[in-house]
Each structure stands twice: as C-alpha cells, then as structure tokens.
Amino acid sequence: MQTSREDVGIAIRSAFLRKGTQQRFSLFALIVFSIILIYFETIETKPLNYVRYFVKDSIYRGSVIVSSPAKGFNLVIRSIQDHLNVKDQNEKLKRENAKLKEKIFDPGFLILENTQLRKLLDEQVTASGKLISARVILDKQSPYLNSFILNSGSNRKIKNSMEVLDGINFIGRIVDVNFFSSRVLLVTDLNSKIPVLIEPLGYHAIMSGRGENEPILEYLPEKNKVIAGNKVYTSGKEGIFDPGIPIGVVKINEGKILVSLYSDVSQIMFVNINLGGND
C-alpha cells in the first residue's frame, strides 16, 4: 500500500503542531516554576533556609569548579607574561647600568674641579669687593668674537658692566644678563675697549681686543717709555671698573705694544663676578 503525498504532508504538519504545543507547555511550566521559587524565597523557615543555603552553596562551588580551568589558564598566561617582562626589565636595567657607567666622571676631574672651587672661595674671602662665583657653561670663540656664557644671572644680582675676574685677574665684563644666565665680553673680543694703567710710569691707555689672545694698547703718549714686562692694570677711569685690577704684562711684538694676559681665557672653568664694582 503506497502513501500518498497528502498523507505525508498531514504527518509533517501534525509533527510541527505537536512540537509547538510542547514548546508552549515548556514555557508555561518554566513561568510557573519561577513563580513558585520566588514565593518560596519569601518564606522564612529553617527547612527552606537550609535548602536555599545548600542550593546557593552548590551553585557557588560549582561556579568555582567550572571557572577553575579558565583561571588556571589565565594564571599560566600571566606567569609567562611576567617572565617575559622580567627578562625585558633585566635587559633594560643592563642598558641603564651601562649608560650610568659611561657617565661616571674620572676622579681626577672632580679633584681638579674641587681645587678650582677652593681657590675661588679663598679669593672671595681675601678680596675687598663682594665676589660671587659662576661656572662657564658655554665658550663662544671665533676669530673676532670671544665671550663666555655663565650659569648665573639676575637671580644672583648680576648686572651689566660688572667686572669679571679669573681669580684676581681682570678678564672681561658682563654685557648681557638673563634671569639664570649672563654673557661675558672678554678682553680679547674685537669689541672690547678697557681703560688701563701701565706701571711703573703710570701711562694711561686703552686696551683693545683683537680677537686674539693678546690685546693691543692704544692711545699711549707718542714718546712713551713702555717696555716689555711693564704691568697693566685697570685704571678705573669713567668709574666703570675698580682701579688697580691686574690684567697682564706688556709684550712688544714687531713694533706693536701688546698685553700678555695673566689668565689664559681658553682654560677658564669658573669666574668671579664683582657685585660691588658698580655700587
């Protein structure tokens, strides 16, 4: 006996209808069960409390057990990451240690610097004026222009035209002041013009920078008797600088009267500034 197409179709529709009925019944049963659970949650009795405790503990314990593999996997991942981070940090520390070793100064340099600072302090104690020390942080040298940049400025009461000394020797004057820095125009600079006095005969002259280590003496008397070895000091004319600050000695070269400075300006690390020179 053969099954017709209509019989097959009826069977399929019946199956779907039965499935739909089962789904609706399952949903209804869940709603009813949920309402019952909510109602039981409001009832405070020891047996029900014990049941609730047991169910909740079972759920919590089950959650711990279920989540244990994931937590274990995360711990393994974090352990691997920490190991890699430790390795990277170790490499970083090695590089930083190498850089620090490169930056360690030679003790000889520190001894030299300490000696120079002690010398500055001794000079400041014995000087009649009010001296402060400053470090040369930049040395601008060219064929014609010579200047220092110092690490002190108006924050330490430095002003323009104050005299700058290497020890007790005159080497230049302040020409530009900022709050934390200042610029020194050296006596060797082409723009430097310093009134001086030549001993022992007391000649007045102008010491002019040439961009070289030995400034030249100008405006001397025509029949002067200046000879090599005569000492040169600031004259104090025009009230710009204190008189009698040593500068150098006279040097005669091819008919030119030059000044061999007491201080080698190319070797200076610290200077003294006379704050009382312009009071």
Protein backbone atom coordinates (compact mmCIF):
# COMPACT_ATOMS: atom_id res chain seq x y z
CA MET A 1 0.00 0.00 0.00
CA GLN A 2 1.55 3.33 -1.09
CA THR A 3 1.47 6.51 0.99
CA SER A 4 0.06 9.48 -0.88
CA ARG A 5 1.63 12.95 -0.88
CA GLU A 6 -1.30 14.30 1.15
CA ASP A 7 -0.68 11.77 3.91
CA VAL A 8 2.99 12.82 4.12
CA GLY A 9 2.02 16.49 4.33
CA ILE A 10 -0.53 15.81 7.06
CA ALA A 11 2.03 13.87 9.07
CA ILE A 12 4.58 16.71 8.82
CA ARG A 13 2.05 19.37 9.89
CA SER A 14 0.94 17.21 12.82
CA ALA A 15 4.54 16.86 13.96
CA PHE A 16 5.05 20.64 13.86
CA LEU A 17 1.81 21.23 15.72
CA ARG A 18 2.86 18.72 18.42
CA LYS A 19 6.24 20.44 18.71
CA GLY A 20 4.64 23.83 19.07
CA THR A 21 2.36 22.52 21.79
CA GLN A 22 5.35 21.09 23.66
CA GLN A 23 7.24 24.39 23.42
CA ARG A 24 4.26 26.35 24.74
CA PHE A 25 3.84 23.90 27.59
CA SER A 26 7.58 24.09 28.46
CA LEU A 27 7.45 27.90 28.58
CA PHE A 28 4.36 27.84 30.77
CA ALA A 29 5.96 25.29 33.10
CA LEU A 30 9.08 27.48 33.47
CA ILE A 31 6.98 30.52 34.34
CA VAL A 32 5.06 28.58 36.96
CA PHE A 33 8.28 27.16 38.40
CA SER A 34 9.84 30.63 38.58
CA ILE A 35 6.80 31.98 40.43
CA ILE A 36 6.99 29.10 42.90
CA LEU A 37 10.70 29.78 43.51
CA ILE A 38 10.03 33.49 44.09
CA TYR A 39 7.25 32.60 46.53
CA PHE A 40 9.45 30.14 48.40
CA GLU A 41 12.18 32.80 48.63
CA THR A 42 9.81 34.96 50.70
CA ILE A 43 9.07 32.19 53.18
CA GLU A 44 11.38 32.22 56.19
CA THR A 45 11.54 28.76 57.67
CA LYS A 46 14.54 26.73 58.73
CA PRO A 47 13.98 23.84 56.31
CA LEU A 48 13.64 26.21 53.37
CA ASN A 49 16.60 28.23 54.55
CA TYR A 50 18.69 25.09 54.68
CA VAL A 51 17.57 24.22 51.19
CA ARG A 52 18.43 27.72 49.96
CA TYR A 53 21.82 27.56 51.62
CA PHE A 54 22.52 24.21 50.04
CA VAL A 55 21.43 25.36 46.58
CA LYS A 56 23.39 28.59 46.71
CA ASP A 57 26.49 26.87 48.06
CA SER A 58 26.20 24.28 45.34
CA ILE A 59 25.92 26.99 42.71
CA TYR A 60 28.86 28.96 44.12
CA ARG A 61 31.03 25.87 44.49
CA GLY A 62 30.03 24.71 41.05
CA SER A 63 30.93 28.11 39.64
CA VAL A 64 34.36 27.88 41.25
CA ILE A 65 34.90 24.42 39.85
CA VAL A 66 33.67 25.41 36.41
CA SER A 67 35.80 28.56 36.33
CA SER A 68 38.94 26.81 37.63
CA PRO A 69 40.25 25.76 34.19
CA ALA A 70 39.84 29.30 32.85
CA LYS A 71 41.55 30.76 35.92
CA GLY A 72 44.35 28.25 35.67
CA PHE A 73 44.83 29.12 32.01
CA ASN A 74 44.92 32.84 32.87
CA LEU A 75 47.48 32.17 35.61
CA VAL A 76 49.68 30.35 33.14
CA ILE A 77 49.37 33.21 30.66
CA ARG A 78 50.17 35.81 33.33
CA SER A 79 53.13 33.76 34.53
CA ILE A 80 54.53 33.63 31.00
CA GLN A 81 53.95 37.37 30.57
CA ASP A 82 55.63 38.12 33.91
CA HIS A 83 58.60 36.01 32.89
CA LEU A 84 58.89 37.90 29.61
CA ASN A 85 58.50 41.23 31.44
CA VAL A 86 61.22 40.27 33.89
CA LYS A 87 63.50 39.44 31.01
CA ASP A 88 62.76 42.79 29.31
CA GLN A 89 63.28 44.67 32.58
CA ASN A 90 66.56 42.87 33.11
CA GLU A 91 67.75 43.90 29.66
CA LYS A 92 66.60 47.48 30.31
CA LEU A 93 68.44 47.59 33.63
CA LYS A 94 71.60 46.30 31.95
CA ARG A 95 71.40 49.09 29.36
CA GLU A 96 70.79 51.73 32.04
CA ASN A 97 73.68 50.39 34.10
CA ALA A 98 75.96 50.63 31.07
CA LYS A 99 74.87 54.23 30.48
CA LEU A 100 75.49 55.12 34.13
CA LYS A 101 78.97 53.62 33.93
CA GLU A 102 79.67 55.77 30.89
CA LYS A 103 78.59 58.89 32.80
CA ILE A 104 80.84 58.30 35.79
CA PHE A 105 83.46 61.06 35.88
CA ASP A 106 87.14 60.46 36.26
CA PRO A 107 88.06 61.21 39.91
CA GLY A 108 90.92 63.33 38.60
CA PHE A 109 88.39 65.73 37.06
CA LEU A 110 86.48 66.01 40.33
CA ILE A 111 89.73 66.70 42.22
CA LEU A 112 90.66 69.41 39.72
CA GLU A 113 87.21 70.98 39.94
CA ASN A 114 87.33 70.90 43.74
CA THR A 115 90.73 72.58 43.73
CA GLN A 116 89.45 75.35 41.47
CA LEU A 117 86.40 75.92 43.66
CA ARG A 118 88.57 76.10 46.78
CA LYS A 119 90.75 78.67 45.04
CA LEU A 120 87.68 80.73 44.17
CA LEU A 121 86.49 80.64 47.78
CA ASP A 122 89.90 81.73 49.07
CA GLU A 123 89.94 84.59 46.59
CA GLN A 124 86.46 85.68 47.60
CA VAL A 125 87.46 85.72 51.28
CA THR A 126 90.59 87.84 50.68
CA ALA A 127 89.01 90.17 48.10
CA SER A 128 87.94 93.65 49.19
CA GLY A 129 84.83 93.62 46.97
CA LYS A 130 81.79 91.40 47.07
CA LEU A 131 82.55 88.47 44.78
CA ILE A 132 80.36 85.58 43.67
CA SER A 133 81.49 82.63 41.58
CA ALA A 134 79.86 81.25 38.44
CA ARG A 135 80.54 78.39 36.09
CA VAL A 136 81.29 78.83 32.39
CA ILE A 137 78.63 76.77 30.60
CA LEU A 138 79.39 77.91 27.05
CA ASP A 139 82.56 79.28 25.49
CA LYS A 140 81.96 81.26 22.31
CA GLN A 141 85.24 81.59 20.48
CA SER A 142 85.75 82.86 16.94
CA PRO A 143 88.49 84.78 15.09
CA TYR A 144 86.98 88.08 16.27
CA LEU A 145 84.35 87.42 18.92
CA ASN A 146 85.18 85.98 22.34
CA SER A 147 82.67 85.58 25.17
CA PHE A 148 81.55 83.30 27.97
CA ILE A 149 78.04 82.24 28.96
CA LEU A 150 77.70 81.86 32.73
CA ASN A 151 75.21 79.82 34.73
CA SER A 152 74.20 82.81 36.89
CA GLY A 153 72.25 85.94 36.13
CA SER A 154 69.95 88.45 37.78
CA ASN A 155 68.87 85.70 40.20
CA ARG A 156 72.26 86.33 41.87
CA LYS A 157 72.17 90.12 41.47
CA ILE A 158 74.47 90.21 38.44
CA LYS A 159 74.13 93.37 36.32
CA ASN A 160 75.53 94.72 33.08
CA SER A 161 79.10 96.17 33.12
CA MET A 162 80.14 94.27 36.24
CA GLU A 163 83.77 93.20 36.12
CA VAL A 164 84.58 89.52 35.67
CA LEU A 165 87.73 88.03 37.15
CA ASP A 166 89.73 84.87 36.83
CA GLY A 167 90.94 84.66 40.39
CA ILE A 168 92.07 88.26 40.92
CA ASN A 169 92.84 88.94 37.26
CA PHE A 170 90.54 91.04 35.08
CA ILE A 171 89.27 89.13 32.01
CA GLY A 172 86.12 90.94 30.90
CA ARG A 173 82.79 92.48 31.77
CA ILE A 174 79.12 91.48 31.86
CA VAL A 175 77.28 92.65 28.73
CA ASP A 176 74.02 90.68 28.78
CA VAL A 177 72.02 89.44 31.77
CA ASN A 178 69.15 86.97 31.89
CA PHE A 179 67.50 85.55 34.99
CA PHE A 180 69.55 82.32 35.11
CA SER A 181 72.46 83.19 32.78
CA SER A 182 74.67 86.05 31.67
CA ARG A 183 77.24 86.78 28.96
CA VAL A 184 80.79 87.97 29.50
CA LEU A 185 82.58 90.03 26.86
CA LEU A 186 86.23 89.01 27.18
CA VAL A 187 89.11 91.47 26.87
CA THR A 188 90.24 89.58 23.75
CA ASP A 189 86.96 90.32 21.91
CA LEU A 190 87.16 92.74 18.98
CA ASN A 191 84.53 94.96 20.65
CA SER A 192 86.34 95.19 23.99
CA LYS A 193 87.80 98.60 24.96
CA ILE A 194 89.19 98.83 28.51
CA PRO A 195 90.85 101.91 30.07
CA VAL A 196 94.13 100.75 31.63
CA LEU A 197 97.12 102.00 33.54
CA ILE A 198 100.70 100.88 32.77
CA GLU A 199 103.13 100.69 35.65
CA PRO A 200 105.65 101.86 36.76
CA LEU A 201 105.42 105.14 34.85
CA GLY A 202 101.64 105.49 35.13
CA TYR A 203 100.74 105.76 31.44
CA HIS A 204 97.04 105.70 30.62
CA ALA A 205 95.89 103.84 27.54
CA ILE A 206 93.03 101.87 26.01
CA MET A 207 93.42 98.12 25.78
CA SER A 208 91.57 96.92 22.68
CA GLY A 209 90.73 93.35 21.86
CA ARG A 210 91.88 91.91 18.53
CA GLY A 211 90.13 88.56 18.52
CA GLU A 212 93.46 87.05 19.54
CA ASN A 213 94.93 86.13 22.90
CA GLU A 214 96.95 89.35 23.24
CA PRO A 215 95.02 92.66 23.19
CA ILE A 216 96.77 95.79 21.91
CA LEU A 217 97.48 99.07 23.79
CA GLU A 218 96.26 102.19 22.03
CA TYR A 219 96.29 105.95 22.67
CA LEU A 220 99.60 105.89 24.52
CA PRO A 221 101.71 109.08 24.60
CA GLU A 222 103.82 109.45 21.45
CA LYS A 223 107.13 109.42 23.32
CA ASN A 224 106.28 106.76 25.84
CA LYS A 225 108.85 104.59 27.51
CA VAL A 226 106.77 101.44 27.79
CA ILE A 227 108.92 98.32 27.78
CA ALA A 228 108.21 94.62 27.84
CA GLY A 229 107.33 93.36 31.29
CA ASN A 230 105.54 96.52 32.47
CA LYS A 231 102.43 95.60 34.42
CA VAL A 232 98.97 96.54 33.16
CA TYR A 233 96.02 97.28 35.49
CA THR A 234 92.54 98.67 35.13
CA SER A 235 92.67 102.44 35.54
CA GLY A 236 89.20 102.99 36.97
CA LYS A 237 88.57 105.89 34.55
CA GLU A 238 84.92 106.78 33.94
CA GLY A 239 84.02 104.81 37.06
CA ILE A 240 83.19 101.65 35.14
CA PHE A 241 85.65 99.30 36.84
CA ASP A 242 87.57 99.33 40.08
CA PRO A 243 91.13 100.66 39.63
CA GLY A 244 94.19 98.51 40.12
CA ILE A 245 92.84 95.11 38.96
CA PRO A 246 95.74 93.17 37.38
CA ILE A 247 95.36 92.27 33.71
CA GLY A 248 98.78 91.27 32.34
CA VAL A 249 102.19 92.50 31.29
CA VAL A 250 103.39 94.43 28.27
CA LYS A 251 104.75 92.50 25.31
CA ILE A 252 106.44 94.14 22.33
CA ASN A 253 105.97 92.33 19.00
CA GLU A 254 107.00 93.86 15.66
CA GLY A 255 106.56 97.39 16.96
CA LYS A 256 103.12 96.68 18.46
CA ILE A 257 102.58 97.11 22.16
CA LEU A 258 100.52 94.16 23.29
CA VAL A 259 99.31 92.80 26.61
CA SER A 260 100.18 89.24 27.59
CA LEU A 261 97.27 88.34 29.85
CA TYR A 262 97.86 86.77 33.23
CA SER A 263 94.94 84.40 32.55
CA ASP A 264 94.55 82.02 29.63
CA VAL A 265 90.89 82.63 28.74
CA SER A 266 90.71 79.34 26.84
CA GLN A 267 91.32 77.38 30.07
CA ILE A 268 88.81 79.02 32.41
CA MET A 269 86.02 76.96 34.01
CA PHE A 270 84.95 79.26 36.86
CA VAL A 271 84.95 83.03 37.20
CA ASN A 272 84.38 85.63 39.92
CA ILE A 273 81.94 88.49 39.40
CA ASN A 274 82.44 91.63 41.49
CA LEU A 275 78.96 92.67 42.64
CA GLY A 276 80.37 95.72 44.39
CA GLY A 277 82.19 97.09 41.38
CA ASN A 278 79.30 99.26 40.29
CA ASP A 279 77.81 100.30 43.63
